[in-house]
Amino acid sequence: MYSNTQRFTEAEAYYLRALEIREHLASAHPEAYEPDIATTLNNLAGVYYYTHRFNKAETYYLRALEIYERLFSQWPDLYASGVQMVQKNLRILEGVKQGTHKTTLSFWERLKKLFT
């Protein structure tokens, strides 16, 4: 709700708290909580994107992508959309950052690994 109403300070605080809780729970049951961690990371990255903290956004998008790719390798039907969502967000971020090729290269390298 806070993100949707552009109350990004509150959204960031709640996402960070949710991430902390989910990472704690995942330490005992990763299979149950890693998808939630990836979603929270993606949402938190969105907050950073919309508040023009692009380096932080990239960091959190990449963490989310790492989790989704690992999940995709085990359950492609369940997690293909998560991989695609985060990749799309990274492409948008890269377009905004213009001139930084690190993310674009990383994106293409990751994509090639998934489908070769």
Protein backbone atom coordinates (compact mmCIF):
# COMPACT_ATOMS: atom_id res chain seq x y z
CA MET A 1 0.00 0.00 0.00
CA TYR A 2 2.76 2.46 0.87
CA SER A 3 4.56 1.90 -2.43
CA ASN A 4 1.32 2.26 -4.39
CA THR A 5 0.58 5.56 -2.69
CA GLN A 6 4.16 6.79 -3.13
CA ARG A 7 4.90 6.81 0.58
CA PHE A 8 8.33 5.40 -0.09
CA THR A 9 9.89 6.10 3.31
CA GLU A 10 7.27 3.96 5.01
CA ALA A 11 7.41 1.33 2.25
CA GLU A 12 11.17 1.03 2.60
CA ALA A 13 10.93 0.56 6.38
CA TYR A 14 8.32 -2.18 6.09
CA TYR A 15 10.12 -3.96 3.24
CA LEU A 16 13.38 -3.93 5.21
CA ARG A 17 11.61 -5.37 8.25
CA ALA A 18 9.87 -8.01 6.12
CA LEU A 19 13.21 -8.90 4.53
CA GLU A 20 14.82 -9.30 7.95
CA ILE A 21 12.01 -11.57 9.16
CA ARG A 22 11.94 -13.66 5.98
CA GLU A 23 15.72 -14.10 5.94
CA HIS A 24 15.56 -15.26 9.55
CA LEU A 25 12.80 -17.75 8.72
CA ALA A 26 14.69 -18.92 5.62
CA SER A 27 17.70 -19.85 7.69
CA ALA A 28 15.65 -22.80 8.99
CA HIS A 29 13.38 -23.37 5.96
CA PRO A 30 14.88 -21.86 2.79
CA GLU A 31 12.58 -23.75 0.45
CA ALA A 32 9.56 -22.12 2.07
CA TYR A 33 10.82 -18.54 2.35
CA GLU A 34 13.29 -17.91 -0.48
CA PRO A 35 10.52 -17.01 -2.97
CA ASP A 36 9.21 -14.44 -0.48
CA ILE A 37 12.71 -13.06 -0.01
CA ALA A 38 13.10 -12.63 -3.77
CA THR A 39 9.76 -10.84 -4.01
CA THR A 40 10.64 -8.55 -1.11
CA LEU A 41 14.04 -7.76 -2.65
CA ASN A 42 12.37 -6.91 -5.95
CA ASN A 43 9.83 -4.67 -4.23
CA LEU A 44 12.49 -2.96 -2.14
CA ALA A 45 14.54 -2.37 -5.30
CA GLY A 46 11.46 -0.73 -6.79
CA VAL A 47 11.34 1.71 -3.88
CA TYR A 48 15.00 2.56 -4.49
CA TYR A 49 14.35 2.94 -8.20
CA TYR A 50 11.45 5.33 -7.67
CA THR A 51 13.47 7.37 -5.18
CA HIS A 52 16.39 7.58 -7.63
CA ARG A 53 18.77 5.47 -5.56
CA PHE A 54 19.77 3.49 -8.61
CA ASN A 55 22.85 1.75 -7.24
CA LYS A 56 20.83 0.38 -4.31
CA ALA A 57 18.05 -0.64 -6.70
CA GLU A 58 20.51 -2.54 -8.84
CA THR A 59 21.98 -4.32 -5.81
CA TYR A 60 18.57 -5.52 -4.63
CA TYR A 61 17.38 -6.46 -8.13
CA LEU A 62 20.51 -8.56 -8.61
CA ARG A 63 20.00 -10.30 -5.27
CA ALA A 64 16.39 -11.07 -6.24
CA LEU A 65 17.51 -12.33 -9.64
CA GLU A 66 20.07 -14.64 -8.06
CA ILE A 67 17.38 -16.27 -5.93
CA TYR A 68 14.86 -16.51 -8.76
CA GLU A 69 17.47 -18.06 -11.07
CA ARG A 70 18.35 -20.68 -8.46
CA LEU A 71 14.65 -21.46 -7.98
CA PHE A 72 14.13 -21.48 -11.75
CA SER A 73 16.84 -24.10 -12.18
CA GLN A 74 14.84 -26.44 -9.94
CA TRP A 75 11.27 -25.45 -10.84
CA PRO A 76 11.24 -23.61 -14.18
CA ASP A 77 7.44 -23.56 -14.52
CA LEU A 78 7.04 -21.85 -11.15
CA TYR A 79 9.80 -19.27 -11.35
CA ALA A 80 10.23 -18.28 -15.00
CA SER A 81 7.96 -15.28 -14.44
CA GLY A 82 10.03 -14.15 -11.44
CA VAL A 83 13.23 -14.29 -13.49
CA GLN A 84 11.58 -12.40 -16.34
CA MET A 85 10.13 -9.76 -14.01
CA VAL A 86 13.47 -8.93 -12.40
CA GLN A 87 15.29 -8.99 -15.75
CA LYS A 88 12.73 -6.52 -17.11
CA ASN A 89 13.25 -4.28 -14.08
CA LEU A 90 17.01 -4.40 -14.60
CA ARG A 91 16.62 -3.46 -18.27
CA ILE A 92 14.47 -0.48 -17.31
CA LEU A 93 16.96 0.56 -14.65
CA GLU A 94 19.81 0.24 -17.14
CA GLY A 95 17.97 2.45 -19.59
CA VAL A 96 17.62 5.11 -16.91
CA LYS A 97 21.24 4.90 -15.82
CA GLN A 98 22.48 5.17 -19.44
CA GLY A 99 26.13 4.67 -19.93
CA THR A 100 26.56 1.92 -17.36
CA HIS A 101 27.03 -1.32 -19.25
CA LYS A 102 27.78 -3.55 -16.27
CA THR A 103 24.14 -4.50 -15.62
CA THR A 104 23.37 -5.05 -19.29
CA LEU A 105 26.33 -7.35 -19.71
CA SER A 106 25.45 -9.18 -16.52
CA PHE A 107 21.86 -9.56 -17.72
CA TRP A 108 22.91 -11.11 -21.04
CA GLU A 109 25.45 -13.39 -19.39
CA ARG A 110 22.81 -14.65 -16.95
CA LEU A 111 20.25 -15.14 -19.70
CA LYS A 112 22.69 -17.14 -21.78
CA LYS A 113 23.45 -19.42 -18.80
CA LEU A 114 19.76 -20.12 -18.23
CA PHE A 115 19.02 -21.21 -21.77
CA THR A 116 22.21 -23.01 -22.83
